[in-house]
Structure formats: structure tokens, C-alpha cells
Amino acid sequence: MKLPVKMGDDVPSVPEFPKRESSDSIPQAPDCNPVATVTQDEEMPVLLKSICVSVVSISLLLSVPRATGTPPRDACHLPRDLRSEVETKYPGKKVVTLADLQDDDRGFFQKDHDSRCPGLVSVDFYGDGKPTLAMVLVGKGKGNDDAILVVAHKVEAAWKTTMLATGGPTVPVVWNQDAGEYHDVYGQKKIRAARPVIVFCRYESWAILYAWTGSRVTKIWLQD
């Protein structure tokens, strides 16, 4: 995918929501139309897949099928032990559901992801095959509580949660993508991900891809 990040490539454990004045800013420019591409092997076929549909849109070219977690009967239901961890560490927060999205955003998400949960996805982010979930948490009330992107990784019997980013007083969504080569929207940076990646997206505004390098998290902007 094509995402330019002119500043630092690495993402700290708890990154701050990007400021407008930096090169990582999120301008509200409805007339821009960035395109990001993903390639993994020049000899493999590519599959065009829309990831953010609206006036501001992105397209992904995938060389392999998109990885998706199988949703449980209640797609946004957390495992009991993880739910307890989230309630303790992020009090007042809950997983984003389809009901939390505005009508347009709900339509965009369901077009690509059917009735999956917009705030919860299974992803082998660390490449170790252990249970790992990426989740978007928002306040349970109707206030302007910031959304956060959290990765939960079950090591032995315990869940370890790490906040990757904040999304401001918005309702972003999350999904996974396969390992591969991703380019940023500016054409200045690329990530060659050896493991599945996480996409954190606010429709009609921004989208950020996160990948695990083996020692740290890195990111690129797919839409800005």
C-alpha cells in the first residue's frame, strides 16, 4: 500500500493521535483521492479491493486473498477473560459495533466486510499463531471520548493489551490484511510485512496500516 510518513517510521507503544501541523496530519480534504497499492510477488495475480469508499477513497491491489477472522455468533463479543481485562484497563470503553456507525460508514464497512464486527478482528499480528485481536474501543456514553486502537495478545493464560493509537472523538473501524508489500499514499514509504497487518480507518478521512517488524510496530498512511 502507499502511505507516506515523512517523520518517524516507528510507532511507540502508545502513539498520540496525529496533529494537523505535522507531516502525519489528517487534513479534511474531501476532494483528494489517494490510491494505495499492495504487491507481494510480481508473478502472482493481483486482486483489486476497495478499502475506503467515499469521496476520498483508496484501492488495494492484493496478490493473495485478504485474511479475515471468523466472527463468533456475536461478532463483537470479547472472550470473558479479555472482557475483564478491558474493563479494568480501559474503564468506560466498549468495542465499536455496527450500531455505533453512521449510516454511510455502516454501508461502506458492510460492502467490504458483510456483517463482521467493525471494532473487532482476529489477526495473527505477531506471527506466533497465538490468539490475537485488534479492537477499536469507544466510550459507552455519547460524549466526545476518544476512540482507541488496542491489540490484545494472549500469552499462555493471560491477555496482554497494547494501545497502538487514538482516533480522536470519532468512530473508526478496524480490519486485517494479509502479509505483503504495502506502499503509503504519498509514494514515499513502503512496508514489507511478513505477518498479517492491521488497518485502522475513519471513513472519508484517514486510514493507517500497522505492521509488526519482529521487534516493534511500524505504520504507514493509506489515506490522509
C-alpha atoms as a PDB file:
ATOM      1  CA  MET A   1       0.000   0.000   0.000  1.00  0.00           C
ATOM      2  CA  LYS A   2       1.115   3.547  -0.460  1.00  0.00           C
ATOM      3  CA  LEU A   3       1.467   5.567   2.656  1.00  0.00           C
ATOM      4  CA  PRO A   4       3.932   8.295   3.236  1.00  0.00           C
ATOM      5  CA  VAL A   5       5.132   9.042   6.672  1.00  0.00           C
ATOM      6  CA  LYS A   6       7.710  11.758   6.418  1.00  0.00           C
ATOM      7  CA  MET A   7       8.602  11.742  10.052  1.00  0.00           C
ATOM      8  CA  GLY A   8       9.358   8.609  12.068  1.00  0.00           C
ATOM      9  CA  ASP A   9       8.502   5.154  10.815  1.00  0.00           C
ATOM     10  CA  ASP A  10       8.266   3.518  14.173  1.00  0.00           C
ATOM     11  CA  VAL A  11       5.156   3.585  16.286  1.00  0.00           C
ATOM     12  CA  PRO A  12       5.596   3.824  20.050  1.00  0.00           C
ATOM     13  CA  SER A  13       3.600   1.587  22.315  1.00  0.00           C
ATOM     14  CA  VAL A  14       1.054   4.339  22.885  1.00  0.00           C
ATOM     15  CA  PRO A  15       1.199   6.766  19.934  1.00  0.00           C
ATOM     16  CA  GLU A  16      -0.579  10.044  20.091  1.00  0.00           C
ATOM     17  CA  PHE A  17      -3.297  10.882  17.575  1.00  0.00           C
ATOM     18  CA  PRO A  18      -1.541  12.696  14.712  1.00  0.00           C
ATOM     19  CA  LYS A  19      -1.520  16.515  14.752  1.00  0.00           C
ATOM     20  CA  ARG A  20      -2.654  18.520  11.745  1.00  0.00           C
ATOM     21  CA  GLU A  21       0.545  20.532  11.658  1.00  0.00           C
ATOM     22  CA  SER A  22       2.870  17.565  11.165  1.00  0.00           C
ATOM     23  CA  SER A  23       3.512  15.560   8.003  1.00  0.00           C
ATOM     24  CA  ASP A  24       1.365  12.863   9.602  1.00  0.00           C
ATOM     25  CA  SER A  25      -1.590  15.222   9.911  1.00  0.00           C
ATOM     26  CA  ILE A  26      -5.071  14.229   8.840  1.00  0.00           C
ATOM     27  CA  PRO A  27      -6.394  17.017   6.664  1.00  0.00           C
ATOM     28  CA  GLN A  28     -10.089  17.064   5.996  1.00  0.00           C
ATOM     29  CA  ALA A  29      -9.798  17.259   2.227  1.00  0.00           C
ATOM     30  CA  PRO A  30     -12.830  15.598   0.699  1.00  0.00           C
ATOM     31  CA  ASP A  31     -11.607  16.251  -2.832  1.00  0.00           C
ATOM     32  CA  CYS A  32      -8.374  14.283  -2.553  1.00  0.00           C
ATOM     33  CA  ASN A  33      -8.342  10.772  -3.930  1.00  0.00           C
ATOM     34  CA  PRO A  34      -5.262   8.854  -2.722  1.00  0.00           C
ATOM     35  CA  VAL A  35      -4.539   5.416  -4.069  1.00  0.00           C
ATOM     36  CA  ALA A  36      -2.549   2.781  -2.213  1.00  0.00           C
ATOM     37  CA  THR A  37      -1.336  -0.448  -3.775  1.00  0.00           C
ATOM     38  CA  VAL A  38      -0.166  -3.714  -2.272  1.00  0.00           C
ATOM     39  CA  THR A  39       2.091  -6.171  -4.060  1.00  0.00           C
ATOM     40  CA  GLN A  40       3.623  -9.368  -2.784  1.00  0.00           C
ATOM     41  CA  ASP A  41       5.048 -11.274  -5.742  1.00  0.00           C
ATOM     42  CA  GLU A  42       5.390  -9.962  -9.275  1.00  0.00           C
ATOM     43  CA  GLU A  43       4.381 -13.326 -10.676  1.00  0.00           C
ATOM     44  CA  MET A  44       1.218 -13.642  -8.603  1.00  0.00           C
ATOM     45  CA  PRO A  45      -2.114 -12.262  -9.772  1.00  0.00           C
ATOM     46  CA  VAL A  46      -3.430  -9.142  -8.116  1.00  0.00           C
ATOM     47  CA  LEU A  47      -6.929  -8.556  -6.890  1.00  0.00           C
ATOM     48  CA  LEU A  48      -8.325  -5.044  -6.696  1.00  0.00           C
ATOM     49  CA  LYS A  49     -10.144  -4.367  -3.439  1.00  0.00           C
ATOM     50  CA  SER A  50     -11.669  -1.101  -2.284  1.00  0.00           C
ATOM     51  CA  ILE A  51     -10.884  -0.306   1.326  1.00  0.00           C
ATOM     52  CA  CYS A  52     -12.253   3.151   1.982  1.00  0.00           C
ATOM     53  CA  VAL A  53     -15.237   4.068  -0.153  1.00  0.00           C
ATOM     54  CA  SER A  54     -16.408   7.676  -0.470  1.00  0.00           C
ATOM     55  CA  VAL A  55     -15.362  10.974  -1.971  1.00  0.00           C
ATOM     56  CA  VAL A  56     -11.945  10.176  -0.506  1.00  0.00           C
ATOM     57  CA  SER A  57     -11.146   6.544  -1.412  1.00  0.00           C
ATOM     58  CA  ILE A  58      -8.337   4.031  -1.558  1.00  0.00           C
ATOM     59  CA  SER A  59      -7.792   0.874  -3.539  1.00  0.00           C
ATOM     60  CA  LEU A  60      -5.656  -2.055  -2.516  1.00  0.00           C
ATOM     61  CA  LEU A  61      -4.093  -4.442  -5.013  1.00  0.00           C
ATOM     62  CA  LEU A  62      -3.773  -7.764  -3.251  1.00  0.00           C
ATOM     63  CA  SER A  63      -1.639 -10.613  -4.502  1.00  0.00           C
ATOM     64  CA  VAL A  64      -3.267 -13.025  -2.051  1.00  0.00           C
ATOM     65  CA  PRO A  65      -6.763 -13.230  -0.545  1.00  0.00           C
ATOM     66  CA  ARG A  66      -7.468 -10.927   2.367  1.00  0.00           C
ATOM     67  CA  ALA A  67      -7.135 -12.618   5.723  1.00  0.00           C
ATOM     68  CA  THR A  68     -10.222 -12.478   7.854  1.00  0.00           C
ATOM     69  CA  GLY A  69     -11.080 -13.806  11.271  1.00  0.00           C
ATOM     70  CA  THR A  70     -14.142 -15.986  11.606  1.00  0.00           C
ATOM     71  CA  PRO A  71     -16.671 -13.964  13.615  1.00  0.00           C
ATOM     72  CA  PRO A  72     -18.398 -15.659  16.537  1.00  0.00           C
ATOM     73  CA  ARG A  73     -22.168 -15.727  16.768  1.00  0.00           C
ATOM     74  CA  ASP A  74     -21.973 -12.326  18.404  1.00  0.00           C
ATOM     75  CA  ALA A  75     -19.318 -10.771  16.178  1.00  0.00           C
ATOM     76  CA  CYS A  76     -18.379  -8.058  18.695  1.00  0.00           C
ATOM     77  CA  HIS A  77     -18.273 -10.329  21.742  1.00  0.00           C
ATOM     78  CA  LEU A  78     -14.972 -10.462  23.628  1.00  0.00           C
ATOM     79  CA  PRO A  79     -13.786 -13.622  25.394  1.00  0.00           C
ATOM     80  CA  ARG A  80     -14.757 -13.466  29.067  1.00  0.00           C
ATOM     81  CA  ASP A  81     -11.185 -13.163  30.369  1.00  0.00           C
ATOM     82  CA  LEU A  82     -10.339 -10.456  27.834  1.00  0.00           C
ATOM     83  CA  ARG A  83     -13.532  -8.561  28.600  1.00  0.00           C
ATOM     84  CA  SER A  84     -12.490  -8.436  32.238  1.00  0.00           C
ATOM     85  CA  GLU A  85      -9.041  -7.129  31.238  1.00  0.00           C
ATOM     86  CA  VAL A  86     -10.547  -4.421  29.024  1.00  0.00           C
ATOM     87  CA  GLU A  87     -13.000  -3.311  31.705  1.00  0.00           C
ATOM     88  CA  THR A  88     -10.125  -2.993  34.166  1.00  0.00           C
ATOM     89  CA  LYS A  89      -7.561  -1.328  31.917  1.00  0.00           C
ATOM     90  CA  TYR A  90      -9.932   0.792  29.800  1.00  0.00           C
ATOM     91  CA  PRO A  91     -12.900   1.574  32.047  1.00  0.00           C
ATOM     92  CA  GLY A  92     -15.914   3.091  30.349  1.00  0.00           C
ATOM     93  CA  LYS A  93     -14.879   1.736  26.939  1.00  0.00           C
ATOM     94  CA  LYS A  94     -16.613  -0.773  24.681  1.00  0.00           C
ATOM     95  CA  VAL A  95     -16.000  -2.411  21.308  1.00  0.00           C
ATOM     96  CA  VAL A  96     -17.371  -0.493  18.305  1.00  0.00           C
ATOM     97  CA  THR A  97     -20.406  -2.228  16.777  1.00  0.00           C
ATOM     98  CA  LEU A  98     -22.337  -1.684  13.551  1.00  0.00           C
ATOM     99  CA  ALA A  99     -24.937   0.209  15.571  1.00  0.00           C
ATOM    100  CA  ASP A 100     -22.275   2.776  16.558  1.00  0.00           C
ATOM    101  CA  LEU A 101     -21.524   3.703  12.944  1.00  0.00           C
ATOM    102  CA  GLN A 102     -23.279   6.417  10.989  1.00  0.00           C
ATOM    103  CA  ASP A 103     -25.424   5.151   8.116  1.00  0.00           C
ATOM    104  CA  ASP A 104     -22.844   5.937   5.431  1.00  0.00           C
ATOM    105  CA  ASP A 105     -19.986   4.397   7.376  1.00  0.00           C
ATOM    106  CA  ARG A 106     -22.057   1.302   8.094  1.00  0.00           C
ATOM    107  CA  GLY A 107     -22.743   0.909   4.403  1.00  0.00           C
ATOM    108  CA  PHE A 108     -19.055   1.331   3.492  1.00  0.00           C
ATOM    109  CA  PHE A 109     -17.984  -1.261   6.050  1.00  0.00           C
ATOM    110  CA  GLN A 110     -20.629  -3.831   5.165  1.00  0.00           C
ATOM    111  CA  LYS A 111     -19.853  -3.523   1.467  1.00  0.00           C
ATOM    112  CA  ASP A 112     -16.385  -4.981   2.076  1.00  0.00           C
ATOM    113  CA  HIS A 113     -16.855  -6.890   5.327  1.00  0.00           C
ATOM    114  CA  ASP A 114     -20.508  -8.001   5.378  1.00  0.00           C
ATOM    115  CA  SER A 115     -21.820  -8.239   8.945  1.00  0.00           C
ATOM    116  CA  ARG A 116     -18.454  -8.630  10.655  1.00  0.00           C
ATOM    117  CA  CYS A 117     -17.727  -6.524  13.704  1.00  0.00           C
ATOM    118  CA  PRO A 118     -16.271  -3.108  12.745  1.00  0.00           C
ATOM    119  CA  GLY A 119     -14.459  -2.852  16.075  1.00  0.00           C
ATOM    120  CA  LEU A 120     -13.002  -6.335  16.499  1.00  0.00           C
ATOM    121  CA  VAL A 121     -10.976  -8.648  14.271  1.00  0.00           C
ATOM    122  CA  SER A 122      -8.778 -11.692  14.769  1.00  0.00           C
ATOM    123  CA  VAL A 123      -5.310 -11.227  13.288  1.00  0.00           C
ATOM    124  CA  ASP A 124      -2.024 -13.115  13.654  1.00  0.00           C
ATOM    125  CA  PHE A 125      -0.298  -9.759  14.072  1.00  0.00           C
ATOM    126  CA  TYR A 126       2.802 -11.108  15.832  1.00  0.00           C
ATOM    127  CA  GLY A 127       3.074 -14.187  13.628  1.00  0.00           C
ATOM    128  CA  ASP A 128       3.236 -16.649  16.509  1.00  0.00           C
ATOM    129  CA  GLY A 129      -0.169 -18.248  15.966  1.00  0.00           C
ATOM    130  CA  LYS A 130      -1.360 -17.246  19.447  1.00  0.00           C
ATOM    131  CA  PRO A 131      -4.819 -15.676  19.935  1.00  0.00           C
ATOM    132  CA  THR A 132      -4.568 -12.021  18.917  1.00  0.00           C
ATOM    133  CA  LEU A 133      -7.383  -9.489  18.499  1.00  0.00           C
ATOM    134  CA  ALA A 134      -7.322  -5.935  17.208  1.00  0.00           C
ATOM    135  CA  MET A 135     -10.136  -3.823  18.627  1.00  0.00           C
ATOM    136  CA  VAL A 136     -11.460  -0.292  18.442  1.00  0.00           C
ATOM    137  CA  LEU A 137     -12.817   0.917  21.773  1.00  0.00           C
ATOM    138  CA  VAL A 138     -15.032   3.961  22.290  1.00  0.00           C
ATOM    139  CA  GLY A 139     -16.804   5.459  25.277  1.00  0.00           C
ATOM    140  CA  LYS A 140     -20.061   3.814  26.297  1.00  0.00           C
ATOM    141  CA  GLY A 141     -21.784   7.182  26.521  1.00  0.00           C
ATOM    142  CA  LYS A 142     -22.498   9.709  23.784  1.00  0.00           C
ATOM    143  CA  GLY A 143     -19.751  12.114  24.781  1.00  0.00           C
ATOM    144  CA  ASN A 144     -16.590  13.000  22.883  1.00  0.00           C
ATOM    145  CA  ASP A 145     -14.494  10.221  24.407  1.00  0.00           C
ATOM    146  CA  ASP A 146     -11.559   9.384  22.124  1.00  0.00           C
ATOM    147  CA  ALA A 147     -11.591   6.112  20.217  1.00  0.00           C
ATOM    148  CA  ILE A 148      -8.522   3.907  20.726  1.00  0.00           C
ATOM    149  CA  LEU A 149      -6.950   1.055  18.775  1.00  0.00           C
ATOM    150  CA  VAL A 150      -5.831  -1.798  21.017  1.00  0.00           C
ATOM    151  CA  VAL A 151      -4.132  -5.112  20.237  1.00  0.00           C
ATOM    152  CA  ALA A 152      -4.779  -7.972  22.664  1.00  0.00           C
ATOM    153  CA  HIS A 153      -2.311 -10.867  22.569  1.00  0.00           C
ATOM    154  CA  LYS A 154      -2.834 -13.982  24.662  1.00  0.00           C
ATOM    155  CA  VAL A 155       0.448 -15.290  26.018  1.00  0.00           C
ATOM    156  CA  GLU A 156      -0.012 -18.556  27.906  1.00  0.00           C
ATOM    157  CA  ALA A 157      -3.042 -17.930  30.135  1.00  0.00           C
ATOM    158  CA  ALA A 158      -3.020 -14.127  30.195  1.00  0.00           C
ATOM    159  CA  TRP A 159      -4.017 -11.416  27.746  1.00  0.00           C
ATOM    160  CA  LYS A 160      -1.538  -8.604  27.134  1.00  0.00           C
ATOM    161  CA  THR A 161      -3.091  -5.442  25.697  1.00  0.00           C
ATOM    162  CA  THR A 162      -1.232  -2.656  23.896  1.00  0.00           C
ATOM    163  CA  MET A 163      -2.745   0.613  22.697  1.00  0.00           C
ATOM    164  CA  LEU A 164      -1.426   1.456  19.235  1.00  0.00           C
ATOM    165  CA  ALA A 165      -3.241   4.716  18.512  1.00  0.00           C
ATOM    166  CA  THR A 166      -6.042   7.100  19.342  1.00  0.00           C
ATOM    167  CA  GLY A 167      -8.674   8.091  16.808  1.00  0.00           C
ATOM    168  CA  GLY A 168      -9.999  11.263  18.364  1.00  0.00           C
ATOM    169  CA  PRO A 169     -13.714  11.792  19.124  1.00  0.00           C
ATOM    170  CA  THR A 170     -14.703   9.668  16.114  1.00  0.00           C
ATOM    171  CA  VAL A 171     -15.900   6.109  15.436  1.00  0.00           C
ATOM    172  CA  PRO A 172     -13.205   4.402  13.343  1.00  0.00           C
ATOM    173  CA  VAL A 173     -13.251   0.775  12.196  1.00  0.00           C
ATOM    174  CA  VAL A 174     -10.606  -1.942  12.016  1.00  0.00           C
ATOM    175  CA  TRP A 175      -9.837  -4.911   9.790  1.00  0.00           C
ATOM    176  CA  ASN A 176      -6.857  -7.077   8.835  1.00  0.00           C
ATOM    177  CA  GLN A 177      -4.914  -7.577   5.620  1.00  0.00           C
ATOM    178  CA  ASP A 178      -2.528 -10.326   4.554  1.00  0.00           C
ATOM    179  CA  ALA A 179       1.234 -10.096   4.753  1.00  0.00           C
ATOM    180  CA  GLY A 180       2.762  -8.372   1.741  1.00  0.00           C
ATOM    181  CA  GLU A 181       4.368  -5.198   0.466  1.00  0.00           C
ATOM    182  CA  TYR A 182       2.401  -2.037   1.220  1.00  0.00           C
ATOM    183  CA  HIS A 183       3.025   1.474  -0.089  1.00  0.00           C
ATOM    184  CA  ASP A 184       1.867   4.671   1.537  1.00  0.00           C
ATOM    185  CA  VAL A 185      -0.491   7.162  -0.057  1.00  0.00           C
ATOM    186  CA  TYR A 186       2.307   9.647  -0.740  1.00  0.00           C
ATOM    187  CA  GLY A 187       4.518   7.195  -2.622  1.00  0.00           C
ATOM    188  CA  GLN A 188       7.419   7.787  -0.256  1.00  0.00           C
ATOM    189  CA  LYS A 189       7.420   4.806   2.079  1.00  0.00           C
ATOM    190  CA  LYS A 190       6.728   1.110   1.920  1.00  0.00           C
ATOM    191  CA  ILE A 191       6.405  -1.743   4.367  1.00  0.00           C
ATOM    192  CA  ARG A 192       7.258  -5.326   3.513  1.00  0.00           C
ATOM    193  CA  ALA A 193       5.141  -7.108   6.114  1.00  0.00           C
ATOM    194  CA  ALA A 194       5.999 -10.716   6.881  1.00  0.00           C
ATOM    195  CA  ARG A 195       2.881 -11.066   9.027  1.00  0.00           C
ATOM    196  CA  PRO A 196      -0.779 -10.008   8.700  1.00  0.00           C
ATOM    197  CA  VAL A 197      -1.336  -6.289   9.246  1.00  0.00           C
ATOM    198  CA  ILE A 198      -3.987  -4.105  10.890  1.00  0.00           C
ATOM    199  CA  VAL A 199      -5.865  -1.287   9.141  1.00  0.00           C
ATOM    200  CA  PHE A 200      -7.362   1.455  11.335  1.00  0.00           C
ATOM    201  CA  CYS A 201      -9.767   3.593   9.288  1.00  0.00           C
ATOM    202  CA  ARG A 202     -12.061   6.581   9.699  1.00  0.00           C
ATOM    203  CA  TYR A 203     -14.151   6.634   6.554  1.00  0.00           C
ATOM    204  CA  GLU A 204     -13.962   9.819   4.467  1.00  0.00           C
ATOM    205  CA  SER A 205     -10.977  10.964   6.499  1.00  0.00           C
ATOM    206  CA  TRP A 206      -7.960   8.722   7.142  1.00  0.00           C
ATOM    207  CA  ALA A 207      -6.634   5.166   7.201  1.00  0.00           C
ATOM    208  CA  ILE A 208      -3.441   3.849   8.804  1.00  0.00           C
ATOM    209  CA  LEU A 209      -1.795   0.451   8.385  1.00  0.00           C
ATOM    210  CA  TYR A 210       0.152  -1.112  11.277  1.00  0.00           C
ATOM    211  CA  ALA A 211       2.671  -3.930  10.945  1.00  0.00           C
ATOM    212  CA  TRP A 212       4.880  -5.842  13.379  1.00  0.00           C
ATOM    213  CA  THR A 213       8.529  -5.979  12.300  1.00  0.00           C
ATOM    214  CA  GLY A 214       9.547  -8.620  14.838  1.00  0.00           C
ATOM    215  CA  SER A 215      10.732  -6.072  17.386  1.00  0.00           C
ATOM    216  CA  ARG A 216       8.443  -3.055  17.061  1.00  0.00           C
ATOM    217  CA  VAL A 217       5.278  -1.726  15.426  1.00  0.00           C
ATOM    218  CA  THR A 218       5.595   0.429  12.308  1.00  0.00           C
ATOM    219  CA  LYS A 219       2.902   2.263  10.334  1.00  0.00           C
ATOM    220  CA  ILE A 220       2.108   3.925   7.034  1.00  0.00           C
ATOM    221  CA  TRP A 221      -0.770   6.152   5.965  1.00  0.00           C
ATOM    222  CA  LEU A 222      -3.097   4.593   3.404  1.00  0.00           C
ATOM    223  CA  GLN A 223      -5.340   7.658   3.304  1.00  0.00           C
ATOM    224  CA  ASP A 224      -4.813  11.175   4.550  1.00  0.00           C
END
